[in-house]
Amino acid sequence: ALLPLVLKDPYLLNALITGGIFTIGAISLNLLLGYTGQLSLG
């Protein structure tokens, strides 16, 4: 939450946004793979 206050490079901020979006996807996948053991490759 504090990063945008000190990070002025728009390229790095863009990378964090993109990585964060796919981290949300990883959180959703963990619900299946991590807690039910079902691997979804789609």
Full PDB file with SEQRES, HELIX, SHEET, SSBOND, CRYST1, ORIGX, SCALE, CONECT and MASTER records, all heavy atoms in Angstrom:
SEQRES   1 A   42  ALA LEU LEU PRO LEU VAL LEU LYS ASP PRO TYR LEU LEU          
SEQRES   2 A   42  ASN ALA LEU ILE THR GLY GLY ILE PHE THR ILE GLY ALA          
SEQRES   3 A   42  ILE SER LEU ASN LEU LEU LEU GLY TYR THR GLY GLN LEU          
SEQRES   4 A   42  SER LEU GLY                                                  
HELIX    1 AA1 LEU A    3  VAL A    6  1                                   4    
HELIX    2 AA2 PRO A   10  LEU A   33  1                                  24    
CRYST1    1.000    1.000    1.000  90.00  90.00  90.00 P 1           1          
ORIGX1      1.000000  0.000000  0.000000        0.00000                         
ORIGX2      0.000000  1.000000  0.000000        0.00000                         
ORIGX3      0.000000  0.000000  1.000000        0.00000                         
SCALE1      1.000000  0.000000  0.000000        0.00000                         
SCALE2      0.000000  1.000000  0.000000        0.00000                         
SCALE3      0.000000  0.000000  1.000000        0.00000                         
ATOM      1  N   ALA A   1       0.823  -1.212   0.000  1.00  0.00           N  
ATOM      2  CA  ALA A   1       0.000   0.000   0.000  1.00  0.00           C  
ATOM      3  C   ALA A   1       0.853   1.257   0.000  1.00  0.00           C  
ATOM      4  O   ALA A   1       0.436   2.307  -0.509  1.00  0.00           O  
ATOM      5  CB  ALA A   1      -0.931  -0.008   1.215  1.00  0.00           C  
ATOM      6  N   LEU A   2       2.067   1.154   0.547  1.00  0.00           N  
ATOM      7  CA  LEU A   2       2.953   2.327   0.605  1.00  0.00           C  
ATOM      8  C   LEU A   2       3.812   2.487  -0.646  1.00  0.00           C  
ATOM      9  O   LEU A   2       4.405   3.548  -0.859  1.00  0.00           O  
ATOM     10  CB  LEU A   2       3.867   2.224   1.834  1.00  0.00           C  
ATOM     11  CG  LEU A   2       3.163   2.258   3.198  1.00  0.00           C  
ATOM     12  CD1 LEU A   2       4.182   2.017   4.304  1.00  0.00           C  
ATOM     13  CD2 LEU A   2       2.442   3.572   3.412  1.00  0.00           C  
ATOM     14  N   LEU A   3       3.874   1.444  -1.472  1.00  0.00           N  
ATOM     15  CA  LEU A   3       4.772   1.477  -2.633  1.00  0.00           C  
ATOM     16  C   LEU A   3       4.522   2.645  -3.589  1.00  0.00           C  
ATOM     17  O   LEU A   3       5.472   3.315  -4.018  1.00  0.00           O  
ATOM     18  CB  LEU A   3       4.701   0.158  -3.395  1.00  0.00           C  
ATOM     19  CG  LEU A   3       5.657  -0.948  -2.946  1.00  0.00           C  
ATOM     20  CD1 LEU A   3       5.502  -2.172  -3.823  1.00  0.00           C  
ATOM     21  CD2 LEU A   3       7.095  -0.467  -2.966  1.00  0.00           C  
ATOM     22  N   PRO A   4       3.262   2.923  -3.983  1.00  0.00           N  
ATOM     23  CA  PRO A   4       3.059   4.032  -4.931  1.00  0.00           C  
ATOM     24  C   PRO A   4       3.519   5.382  -4.391  1.00  0.00           C  
ATOM     25  O   PRO A   4       3.762   6.306  -5.172  1.00  0.00           O  
ATOM     26  CB  PRO A   4       1.538   4.030  -5.161  1.00  0.00           C  
ATOM     27  CG  PRO A   4       1.112   2.655  -4.837  1.00  0.00           C  
ATOM     28  CD  PRO A   4       1.999   2.209  -3.720  1.00  0.00           C  
ATOM     29  N   LEU A   5       3.645   5.505  -3.071  1.00  0.00           N  
ATOM     30  CA  LEU A   5       4.082   6.769  -2.497  1.00  0.00           C  
ATOM     31  C   LEU A   5       5.576   7.002  -2.688  1.00  0.00           C  
ATOM     32  O   LEU A   5       6.038   8.143  -2.694  1.00  0.00           O  
ATOM     33  CB  LEU A   5       3.752   6.812  -0.997  1.00  0.00           C  
ATOM     34  CG  LEU A   5       2.264   6.602  -0.645  1.00  0.00           C  
ATOM     35  CD1 LEU A   5       2.080   6.620   0.864  1.00  0.00           C  
ATOM     36  CD2 LEU A   5       1.405   7.666  -1.312  1.00  0.00           C  
ATOM     37  N   VAL A   6       6.327   5.902  -2.845  1.00  0.00           N  
ATOM     38  CA  VAL A   6       7.780   6.017  -2.996  1.00  0.00           C  
ATOM     39  C   VAL A   6       8.257   5.582  -4.381  1.00  0.00           C  
ATOM     40  O   VAL A   6       9.375   5.905  -4.778  1.00  0.00           O  
ATOM     41  CB  VAL A   6       8.501   5.184  -1.910  1.00  0.00           C  
ATOM     42  CG1 VAL A   6       8.179   5.719  -0.528  1.00  0.00           C  
ATOM     43  CG2 VAL A   6       8.112   3.710  -2.002  1.00  0.00           C  
ATOM     44  N   LEU A   7       7.410   4.839  -5.094  1.00  0.00           N  
ATOM     45  CA  LEU A   7       7.790   4.325  -6.409  1.00  0.00           C  
ATOM     46  C   LEU A   7       7.264   5.267  -7.482  1.00  0.00           C  
ATOM     47  O   LEU A   7       6.068   5.333  -7.731  1.00  0.00           O  
ATOM     48  CB  LEU A   7       7.212   2.922  -6.613  1.00  0.00           C  
ATOM     49  CG  LEU A   7       7.783   2.106  -7.764  1.00  0.00           C  
ATOM     50  CD1 LEU A   7       9.254   1.806  -7.548  1.00  0.00           C  
ATOM     51  CD2 LEU A   7       7.000   0.806  -7.901  1.00  0.00           C  
ATOM     52  N   LYS A   8       8.152   5.981  -8.124  1.00  0.00           N  
ATOM     53  CA  LYS A   8       7.750   6.988  -9.109  1.00  0.00           C  
ATOM     54  C   LYS A   8       7.874   6.498 -10.554  1.00  0.00           C  
ATOM     55  O   LYS A   8       7.403   7.158 -11.470  1.00  0.00           O  
ATOM     56  CB  LYS A   8       8.605   8.250  -8.937  1.00  0.00           C  
ATOM     57  CG  LYS A   8       8.520   8.861  -7.532  1.00  0.00           C  
ATOM     58  CD  LYS A   8       7.096   9.223  -7.160  1.00  0.00           C  
ATOM     59  CE  LYS A   8       7.017   9.844  -5.770  1.00  0.00           C  
ATOM     60  NZ  LYS A   8       5.630  10.142  -5.369  1.00  0.00           N  
ATOM     61  N   ASP A   9       8.519   5.364 -10.755  1.00  0.00           N  
ATOM     62  CA  ASP A   9       8.715   4.845 -12.105  1.00  0.00           C  
ATOM     63  C   ASP A   9       7.409   4.200 -12.596  1.00  0.00           C  
ATOM     64  O   ASP A   9       6.976   3.180 -12.051  1.00  0.00           O  
ATOM     65  CB  ASP A   9       9.838   3.811 -12.104  1.00  0.00           C  
ATOM     66  CG  ASP A   9      10.243   3.406 -13.509  1.00  0.00           C  
ATOM     67  OD1 ASP A   9       9.445   3.622 -14.446  1.00  0.00           O  
ATOM     68  OD2 ASP A   9      11.358   2.883 -13.682  1.00  0.00           O  
ATOM     69  N   PRO A  10       6.758   4.750 -13.630  1.00  0.00           N  
ATOM     70  CA  PRO A  10       5.488   4.171 -14.107  1.00  0.00           C  
ATOM     71  C   PRO A  10       5.651   2.767 -14.669  1.00  0.00           C  
ATOM     72  O   PRO A  10       4.729   1.957 -14.617  1.00  0.00           O  
ATOM     73  CB  PRO A  10       5.022   5.162 -15.179  1.00  0.00           C  
ATOM     74  CG  PRO A  10       6.242   5.901 -15.593  1.00  0.00           C  
ATOM     75  CD  PRO A  10       7.125   5.960 -14.384  1.00  0.00           C  
ATOM     76  N   TYR A  11       6.831   2.454 -15.211  1.00  0.00           N  
ATOM     77  CA  TYR A  11       7.076   1.119 -15.752  1.00  0.00           C  
ATOM     78  C   TYR A  11       7.020   0.069 -14.640  1.00  0.00           C  
ATOM     79  O   TYR A  11       6.393  -0.990 -14.787  1.00  0.00           O  
ATOM     80  CB  TYR A  11       8.433   1.084 -16.447  1.00  0.00           C  
ATOM     81  CG  TYR A  11       8.866  -0.300 -16.867  1.00  0.00           C  
ATOM     82  CD1 TYR A  11       8.261  -0.940 -17.941  1.00  0.00           C  
ATOM     83  CD2 TYR A  11       9.887  -0.969 -16.184  1.00  0.00           C  
ATOM     84  CE1 TYR A  11       8.651  -2.209 -18.320  1.00  0.00           C  
ATOM     85  CE2 TYR A  11      10.283  -2.239 -16.556  1.00  0.00           C  
ATOM     86  CZ  TYR A  11       9.662  -2.856 -17.628  1.00  0.00           C  
ATOM     87  OH  TYR A  11      10.037  -4.108 -18.003  1.00  0.00           O  
ATOM     88  N   LEU A  12       7.663   0.354 -13.516  1.00  0.00           N  
ATOM     89  CA  LEU A  12       7.657  -0.585 -12.404  1.00  0.00           C  
ATOM     90  C   LEU A  12       6.265  -0.707 -11.798  1.00  0.00           C  
ATOM     91  O   LEU A  12       5.836  -1.803 -11.414  1.00  0.00           O  
ATOM     92  CB  LEU A  12       8.661  -0.138 -11.340  1.00  0.00           C  
ATOM     93  CG  LEU A  12      10.132  -0.158 -11.755  1.00  0.00           C  
ATOM     94  CD1 LEU A  12      11.012   0.350 -10.619  1.00  0.00           C  
ATOM     95  CD2 LEU A  12      10.557  -1.573 -12.161  1.00  0.00           C  
ATOM     96  N   LEU A  13       5.544   0.402 -11.736  1.00  0.00           N  
ATOM     97  CA  LEU A  13       4.188   0.364 -11.201  1.00  0.00           C  
ATOM     98  C   LEU A  13       3.275  -0.456 -12.109  1.00  0.00           C  
ATOM     99  O   LEU A  13       2.424  -1.218 -11.638  1.00  0.00           O  
ATOM    100  CB  LEU A  13       3.655   1.786 -11.043  1.00  0.00           C  
ATOM    101  CG  LEU A  13       2.432   1.970 -10.135  1.00  0.00           C  
ATOM    102  CD1 LEU A  13       2.710   1.428  -8.742  1.00  0.00           C  
ATOM    103  CD2 LEU A  13       2.032   3.431 -10.071  1.00  0.00           C  
ATOM    104  N   ASN A  14       3.459  -0.320 -13.416  1.00  0.00           N  
ATOM    105  CA  ASN A  14       2.702  -1.126 -14.373  1.00  0.00           C  
ATOM    106  C   ASN A  14       2.996  -2.615 -14.182  1.00  0.00           C  
ATOM    107  O   ASN A  14       2.085  -3.454 -14.237  1.00  0.00           O  
ATOM    108  CB  ASN A  14       3.055  -0.701 -15.799  1.00  0.00           C  
ATOM    109  CG  ASN A  14       2.395  -1.580 -16.846  1.00  0.00           C  
ATOM    110  OD1 ASN A  14       1.208  -1.512 -17.075  1.00  0.00           O  
ATOM    111  ND2 ASN A  14       3.191  -2.435 -17.478  1.00  0.00           N  
ATOM    112  N   ALA A  15       4.270  -2.944 -13.932  1.00  0.00           N  
ATOM    113  CA  ALA A  15       4.638  -4.344 -13.704  1.00  0.00           C  
ATOM    114  C   ALA A  15       3.988  -4.888 -12.439  1.00  0.00           C  
ATOM    115  O   ALA A  15       3.543  -6.042 -12.396  1.00  0.00           O  
ATOM    116  CB  ALA A  15       6.153  -4.467 -13.614  1.00  0.00           C  
ATOM    117  N   LEU A  16       3.917  -4.070 -11.408  1.00  0.00           N  
ATOM    118  CA  LEU A  16       3.280  -4.498 -10.165  1.00  0.00           C  
ATOM    119  C   LEU A  16       1.779  -4.722 -10.362  1.00  0.00           C  
ATOM    120  O   LEU A  16       1.200  -5.660  -9.813  1.00  0.00           O  
ATOM    121  CB  LEU A  16       3.510  -3.463  -9.072  1.00  0.00           C  
ATOM    122  CG  LEU A  16       4.915  -3.425  -8.467  1.00  0.00           C  
ATOM    123  CD1 LEU A  16       5.049  -2.241  -7.517  1.00  0.00           C  
ATOM    124  CD2 LEU A  16       5.221  -4.725  -7.731  1.00  0.00           C  
ATOM    125  N   ILE A  17       1.148  -3.862 -11.162  1.00  0.00           N  
ATOM    126  CA  ILE A  17      -0.289  -4.032 -11.425  1.00  0.00           C  
ATOM    127  C   ILE A  17      -0.528  -5.333 -12.184  1.00  0.00           C  
ATOM    128  O   ILE A  17      -1.406  -6.129 -11.825  1.00  0.00           O  
ATOM    129  CB  ILE A  17      -0.834  -2.833 -12.221  1.00  0.00           C  
ATOM    130  CG1 ILE A  17      -0.758  -1.554 -11.387  1.00  0.00           C  
ATOM    131  CG2 ILE A  17      -2.274  -3.090 -12.656  1.00  0.00           C  
ATOM    132  CD1 ILE A  17      -1.064  -0.287 -12.170  1.00  0.00           C  
ATOM    133  N   THR A  18       0.270  -5.571 -13.225  1.00  0.00           N  
ATOM    134  CA  THR A  18       0.110  -6.795 -14.013  1.00  0.00           C  
ATOM    135  C   THR A  18       0.371  -8.032 -13.164  1.00  0.00           C  
ATOM    136  O   THR A  18      -0.408  -8.999 -13.188  1.00  0.00           O  
ATOM    137  CB  THR A  18       1.064  -6.774 -15.213  1.00  0.00           C  
ATOM    138  OG1 THR A  18       0.851  -5.580 -15.978  1.00  0.00           O  
ATOM    139  CG2 THR A  18       0.836  -7.981 -16.102  1.00  0.00           C  
ATOM    140  N   GLY A  19       1.471  -8.008 -12.400  1.00  0.00           N  
ATOM    141  CA  GLY A  19       1.764  -9.140 -11.523  1.00  0.00           C  
ATOM    142  C   GLY A  19       0.685  -9.345 -10.479  1.00  0.00           C  
ATOM    143  O   GLY A  19       0.328 -10.487 -10.152  1.00  0.00           O  
ATOM    144  N   GLY A  20       0.139  -8.243  -9.958  1.00  0.00           N  
ATOM    145  CA  GLY A  20      -0.925  -8.349  -8.958  1.00  0.00           C  
ATOM    146  C   GLY A  20      -2.195  -8.945  -9.522  1.00  0.00           C  
ATOM    147  O   GLY A  20      -2.889  -9.719  -8.844  1.00  0.00           O  
ATOM    148  N   ILE A  21      -2.519  -8.597 -10.759  1.00  0.00           N  
ATOM    149  CA  ILE A  21      -3.716  -9.157 -11.387  1.00  0.00           C  
ATOM    150  C   ILE A  21      -3.600 -10.676 -11.499  1.00  0.00           C  
ATOM    151  O   ILE A  21      -4.547 -11.420 -11.194  1.00  0.00           O  
ATOM    152  CB  ILE A  21      -3.947  -8.522 -12.769  1.00  0.00           C  
ATOM    153  CG1 ILE A  21      -4.379  -7.057 -12.624  1.00  0.00           C  
ATOM    154  CG2 ILE A  21      -4.998  -9.302 -13.561  1.00  0.00           C  
ATOM    155  CD1 ILE A  21      -4.437  -6.288 -13.923  1.00  0.00           C  
ATOM    156  N   PHE A  22      -2.428 -11.161 -11.913  1.00  0.00           N  
ATOM    157  CA  PHE A  22      -2.248 -12.608 -12.027  1.00  0.00           C  
ATOM    158  C   PHE A  22      -2.087 -13.270 -10.660  1.00  0.00           C  
ATOM    159  O   PHE A  22      -2.355 -14.472 -10.520  1.00  0.00           O  
ATOM    160  CB  PHE A  22      -1.064 -12.918 -12.940  1.00  0.00           C  
ATOM    161  CG  PHE A  22      -1.396 -12.740 -14.393  1.00  0.00           C  
ATOM    162  CD1 PHE A  22      -1.011 -11.597 -15.079  1.00  0.00           C  
ATOM    163  CD2 PHE A  22      -2.131 -13.683 -15.082  1.00  0.00           C  
ATOM    164  CE1 PHE A  22      -1.342 -11.403 -16.407  1.00  0.00           C  
ATOM    165  CE2 PHE A  22      -2.468 -13.513 -16.415  1.00  0.00           C  
ATOM    166  CZ  PHE A  22      -2.070 -12.364 -17.079  1.00  0.00           C  
ATOM    167  N   THR A  23      -1.677 -12.502  -9.660  1.00  0.00           N  
ATOM    168  CA  THR A  23      -1.664 -13.041  -8.294  1.00  0.00           C  
ATOM    169  C   THR A  23      -3.084 -13.313  -7.814  1.00  0.00           C  
ATOM    170  O   THR A  23      -3.338 -14.302  -7.120  1.00  0.00           O  
ATOM    171  CB  THR A  23      -0.955 -12.064  -7.341  1.00  0.00           C  
ATOM    172  OG1 THR A  23       0.403 -11.890  -7.770  1.00  0.00           O  
ATOM    173  CG2 THR A  23      -0.958 -12.597  -5.912  1.00  0.00           C  
ATOM    174  N   ILE A  24      -4.037 -12.440  -8.180  1.00  0.00           N  
ATOM    175  CA  ILE A  24      -5.445 -12.698  -7.857  1.00  0.00           C  
ATOM    176  C   ILE A  24      -5.884 -14.011  -8.516  1.00  0.00           C  
ATOM    177  O   ILE A  24      -6.578 -14.832  -7.902  1.00  0.00           O  
ATOM    178  CB  ILE A  24      -6.333 -11.533  -8.321  1.00  0.00           C  
ATOM    179  CG1 ILE A  24      -5.953 -10.243  -7.599  1.00  0.00           C  
ATOM    180  CG2 ILE A  24      -7.812 -11.858  -8.085  1.00  0.00           C  
ATOM    181  CD1 ILE A  24      -6.642  -8.998  -8.145  1.00  0.00           C  
ATOM    182  N   GLY A  25      -5.473 -14.204  -9.771  1.00  0.00           N  
ATOM    183  CA  GLY A  25      -5.772 -15.471 -10.431  1.00  0.00           C  
ATOM    184  C   GLY A  25      -5.152 -16.651  -9.711  1.00  0.00           C  
ATOM    185  O   GLY A  25      -5.757 -17.721  -9.600  1.00  0.00           O  
ATOM    186  N   ALA A  26      -3.922 -16.471  -9.200  1.00  0.00           N  
ATOM    187  CA  ALA A  26      -3.254 -17.544  -8.456  1.00  0.00           C  
ATOM    188  C   ALA A  26      -3.978 -17.844  -7.145  1.00  0.00           C  
ATOM    189  O   ALA A  26      -4.083 -19.003  -6.726  1.00  0.00           O  
ATOM    190  CB  ALA A  26      -1.800 -17.159  -8.194  1.00  0.00           C  
ATOM    191  N   ILE A  27      -4.487 -16.802  -6.474  1.00  0.00           N  
ATOM    192  CA  ILE A  27      -5.266 -17.011  -5.244  1.00  0.00           C  
ATOM    193  C   ILE A  27      -6.501 -17.857  -5.546  1.00  0.00           C  
ATOM    194  O   ILE A  27      -6.866 -18.757  -4.777  1.00  0.00           O  
ATOM    195  CB  ILE A  27      -5.661 -15.654  -4.630  1.00  0.00           C  
ATOM    196  CG1 ILE A  27      -4.416 -14.928  -4.093  1.00  0.00           C  
ATOM    197  CG2 ILE A  27      -6.682 -15.838  -3.514  1.00  0.00           C  
ATOM    198  CD1 ILE A  27      -4.695 -13.508  -3.633  1.00  0.00           C  
ATOM    199  N   SER A  28      -7.149 -17.567  -6.666  1.00  0.00           N  
ATOM    200  CA  SER A  28      -8.331 -18.345  -7.044  1.00  0.00           C  
ATOM    201  C   SER A  28      -7.953 -19.785  -7.384  1.00  0.00           C  
ATOM    202  O   SER A  28      -8.661 -20.727  -7.009  1.00  0.00           O  
ATOM    203  CB  SER A  28      -9.043 -17.684  -8.233  1.00  0.00           C  
ATOM    204  OG  SER A  28      -8.300 -17.825  -9.427  1.00  0.00           O  
ATOM    205  N   LEU A  29      -6.843 -19.984  -8.083  1.00  0.00           N  
ATOM    206  CA  LEU A  29      -6.411 -21.337  -8.434  1.00  0.00           C  
ATOM    207  C   LEU A  29      -6.024 -22.126  -7.191  1.00  0.00           C  
ATOM    208  O   LEU A  29      -6.237 -23.345  -7.124  1.00  0.00           O  
ATOM    209  CB  LEU A  29      -5.242 -21.265  -9.416  1.00  0.00           C  
ATOM    210  CG  LEU A  29      -4.661 -22.602  -9.888  1.00  0.00           C  
ATOM    211  CD1 LEU A  29      -5.718 -23.430 -10.610  1.00  0.00           C  
ATOM    212  CD2 LEU A  29      -3.462 -22.373 -10.804  1.00  0.00           C  
ATOM    213  N   ASN A  30      -5.448 -21.459  -6.196  1.00  0.00           N  
ATOM    214  CA  ASN A  30      -5.044 -22.134  -4.966  1.00  0.00           C  
ATOM    215  C   ASN A  30      -6.234 -22.739  -4.241  1.00  0.00           C  
ATOM    216  O   ASN A  30      -6.105 -23.745  -3.537  1.00  0.00           O  
ATOM    217  CB  ASN A  30      -4.321 -21.145  -4.047  1.00  0.00           C  
ATOM    218  CG  ASN A  30      -3.700 -21.814  -2.840  1.00  0.00           C  
ATOM    219  OD1 ASN A  30      -3.087 -22.871  -2.947  1.00  0.00           O  
ATOM    220  ND2 ASN A  30      -3.868 -21.218  -1.679  1.00  0.00           N  
ATOM    221  N   LEU A  31      -7.411 -22.139  -4.403  1.00  0.00           N  
ATOM    222  CA  LEU A  31      -8.605 -22.697  -3.777  1.00  0.00           C  
ATOM    223  C   LEU A  31      -8.896 -24.097  -4.313  1.00  0.00           C  
ATOM    224  O   LEU A  31      -9.320 -24.984  -3.551  1.00  0.00           O  
ATOM    225  CB  LEU A  31      -9.800 -21.770  -4.036  1.00  0.00           C  
ATOM    226  CG  LEU A  31     -11.118 -22.148  -3.362  1.00  0.00           C  
ATOM    227  CD1 LEU A  31     -10.980 -22.108  -1.847  1.00  0.00           C  
ATOM    228  CD2 LEU A  31     -12.239 -21.229  -3.815  1.00  0.00           C  
ATOM    229  N   LEU A  32      -8.647 -24.309  -5.604  1.00  0.00           N  
ATOM    230  CA  LEU A  32      -8.852 -25.631  -6.191  1.00  0.00           C  
ATOM    231  C   LEU A  32      -7.652 -26.542  -5.970  1.00  0.00           C  
ATOM    232  O   LEU A  32      -7.768 -27.635  -5.417  1.00  0.00           O  
ATOM    233  CB  LEU A  32      -9.117 -25.500  -7.697  1.00  0.00           C  
ATOM    234  CG  LEU A  32     -10.548 -25.306  -8.181  1.00  0.00           C  
ATOM    235  CD1 LEU A  32     -10.580 -25.267  -9.693  1.00  0.00           C  
ATOM    236  CD2 LEU A  32     -11.455 -26.403  -7.667  1.00  0.00           C  
ATOM    237  N   LEU A  33      -6.485 -26.082  -6.397  1.00  0.00           N  
ATOM    238  CA  LEU A  33      -5.294 -26.924  -6.355  1.00  0.00           C  
ATOM    239  C   LEU A  33      -4.828 -27.170  -4.930  1.00  0.00           C  
ATOM    240  O   LEU A  33      -4.427 -28.282  -4.575  1.00  0.00           O  
ATOM    241  CB  LEU A  33      -4.183 -26.260  -7.176  1.00  0.00           C  
ATOM    242  CG  LEU A  33      -2.829 -26.973  -7.215  1.00  0.00           C  
ATOM    243  CD1 LEU A  33      -2.986 -28.379  -7.771  1.00  0.00           C  
ATOM    244  CD2 LEU A  33      -1.846 -26.171  -8.060  1.00  0.00           C  
ATOM    245  N   GLY A  34      -4.863 -26.126  -4.093  1.00  0.00           N  
ATOM    246  CA  GLY A  34      -4.309 -26.246  -2.762  1.00  0.00           C  
ATOM    247  C   GLY A  34      -5.223 -26.912  -1.756  1.00  0.00           C  
ATOM    248  O   GLY A  34      -4.757 -27.611  -0.857  1.00  0.00           O  
ATOM    249  N   TYR A  35      -6.549 -26.724  -1.897  1.00  0.00           N  
ATOM    250  CA  TYR A  35      -7.467 -27.196  -0.866  1.00  0.00           C  
ATOM    251  C   TYR A  35      -8.363 -28.344  -1.295  1.00  0.00           C  
ATOM    252  O   TYR A  35      -8.998 -28.975  -0.448  1.00  0.00           O  
ATOM    253  CB  TYR A  35      -8.319 -26.026  -0.364  1.00  0.00           C  
ATOM    254  CG  TYR A  35      -7.492 -25.003   0.364  1.00  0.00           C  
ATOM    255  CD1 TYR A  35      -7.068 -23.842  -0.279  1.00  0.00           C  
ATOM    256  CD2 TYR A  35      -7.096 -25.207   1.674  1.00  0.00           C  
ATOM    257  CE1 TYR A  35      -6.288 -22.900   0.381  1.00  0.00           C  
ATOM    258  CE2 TYR A  35      -6.306 -24.277   2.346  1.00  0.00           C  
ATOM    259  CZ  TYR A  35      -5.914 -23.131   1.693  1.00  0.00           C  
ATOM    260  OH  TYR A  35      -5.128 -22.208   2.341  1.00  0.00           O  
ATOM    261  N   THR A  36      -8.456 -28.612  -2.601  1.00  0.00           N  
ATOM    262  CA  THR A  36      -9.200 -29.786  -3.048  1.00  0.00           C  
ATOM    263  C   THR A  36      -8.301 -30.771  -3.786  1.00  0.00           C  
ATOM    264  O   THR A  36      -8.714 -31.904  -4.030  1.00  0.00           O  
ATOM    265  CB  THR A  36     -10.364 -29.396  -3.988  1.00  0.00           C  
ATOM    266  OG1 THR A  36      -9.842 -28.895  -5.229  1.00  0.00           O  
ATOM    267  CG2 THR A  36     -11.250 -28.340  -3.346  1.00  0.00           C  
ATOM    268  N   GLY A  37      -7.105 -30.332  -4.152  1.00  0.00           N  
ATOM    269  CA  GLY A  37      -6.179 -31.211  -4.857  1.00  0.00           C  
ATOM    270  C   GLY A  37      -6.491 -31.392  -6.325  1.00  0.00           C  
ATOM    271  O   GLY A  37      -5.901 -32.256  -6.990  1.00  0.00           O  
ATOM    272  N   GLN A  38      -7.389 -30.570  -6.878  1.00  0.00           N  
ATOM    273  CA  GLN A  38      -7.778 -30.679  -8.287  1.00  0.00           C  
ATOM    274  C   GLN A  38      -7.005 -29.663  -9.117  1.00  0.00           C  
ATOM    275  O   GLN A  38      -7.120 -28.460  -8.895  1.00  0.00           O  
ATOM    276  CB  GLN A  38      -9.277 -30.448  -8.445  1.00  0.00           C  
ATOM    277  CG  GLN A  38     -10.144 -31.399  -7.647  1.00  0.00           C  
ATOM    278  CD  GLN A  38      -9.972 -32.844  -8.080  1.00  0.00           C  
ATOM    279  OE1 GLN A  38      -9.872 -33.151  -9.269  1.00  0.00           O  
ATOM    280  NE2 GLN A  38      -9.926 -33.735  -7.100  1.00  0.00           N  
ATOM    281  N   LEU A  39      -6.209 -30.136 -10.051  1.00  0.00           N  
ATOM    282  CA  LEU A  39      -5.401 -29.268 -10.903  1.00  0.00           C  
ATOM    283  C   LEU A  39      -6.194 -28.851 -12.131  1.00  0.00           C  
ATOM    284  O   LEU A  39      -6.603 -29.695 -12.929  1.00  0.00           O  
ATOM    285  CB  LEU A  39      -4.111 -29.977 -11.324  1.00  0.00           C  
ATOM    286  CG  LEU A  39      -3.215 -29.239 -12.324  1.00  0.00           C  
ATOM    287  CD1 LEU A  39      -2.768 -27.888 -11.753  1.00  0.00           C  
ATOM    288  CD2 LEU A  39      -2.022 -30.079 -12.721  1.00  0.00           C  
ATOM    289  N   SER A  40      -6.404 -27.550 -12.279  1.00  0.00           N  
ATOM    290  CA  SER A  40      -7.092 -27.008 -13.451  1.00  0.00           C  
ATOM    291  C   SER A  40      -6.061 -26.325 -14.346  1.00  0.00           C  
ATOM    292  O   SER A  40      -5.511 -25.292 -13.979  1.00  0.00           O  
ATOM    293  CB  SER A  40      -8.167 -26.002 -13.026  1.00  0.00           C  
ATOM    294  OG  SER A  40      -8.668 -25.300 -14.152  1.00  0.00           O  
ATOM    295  N   LEU A  41      -5.803 -26.911 -15.509  1.00  0.00           N  
ATOM    296  CA  LEU A  41      -4.873 -26.303 -16.463  1.00  0.00           C  
ATOM    297  C   LEU A  41      -5.616 -25.463 -17.505  1.00  0.00           C  
ATOM    298  O   LEU A  41      -5.021 -25.039 -18.482  1.00  0.00           O  
ATOM    299  CB  LEU A  41      -4.024 -27.372 -17.153  1.00  0.00           C  
ATOM    300  CG  LEU A  41      -2.953 -28.025 -16.266  1.00  0.00           C  
ATOM    301  CD1 LEU A  41      -2.129 -29.030 -17.053  1.00  0.00           C  
ATOM    302  CD2 LEU A  41      -2.035 -26.967 -15.649  1.00  0.00           C  
ATOM    303  N   GLY A  42      -6.901 -25.232 -17.257  1.00  0.00           N  
ATOM    304  CA  GLY A  42      -7.658 -24.342 -18.129  1.00  0.00           C  
ATOM    305  C   GLY A  42      -8.190 -23.159 -17.361  1.00  0.00           C  
ATOM    306  O   GLY A  42      -9.180 -22.537 -17.770  1.00  0.00           O  
TER     307      GLY A  42                                                      
MASTER        0    0    0    2    0    0    0    6  306    1    0    4          
END                                                                             
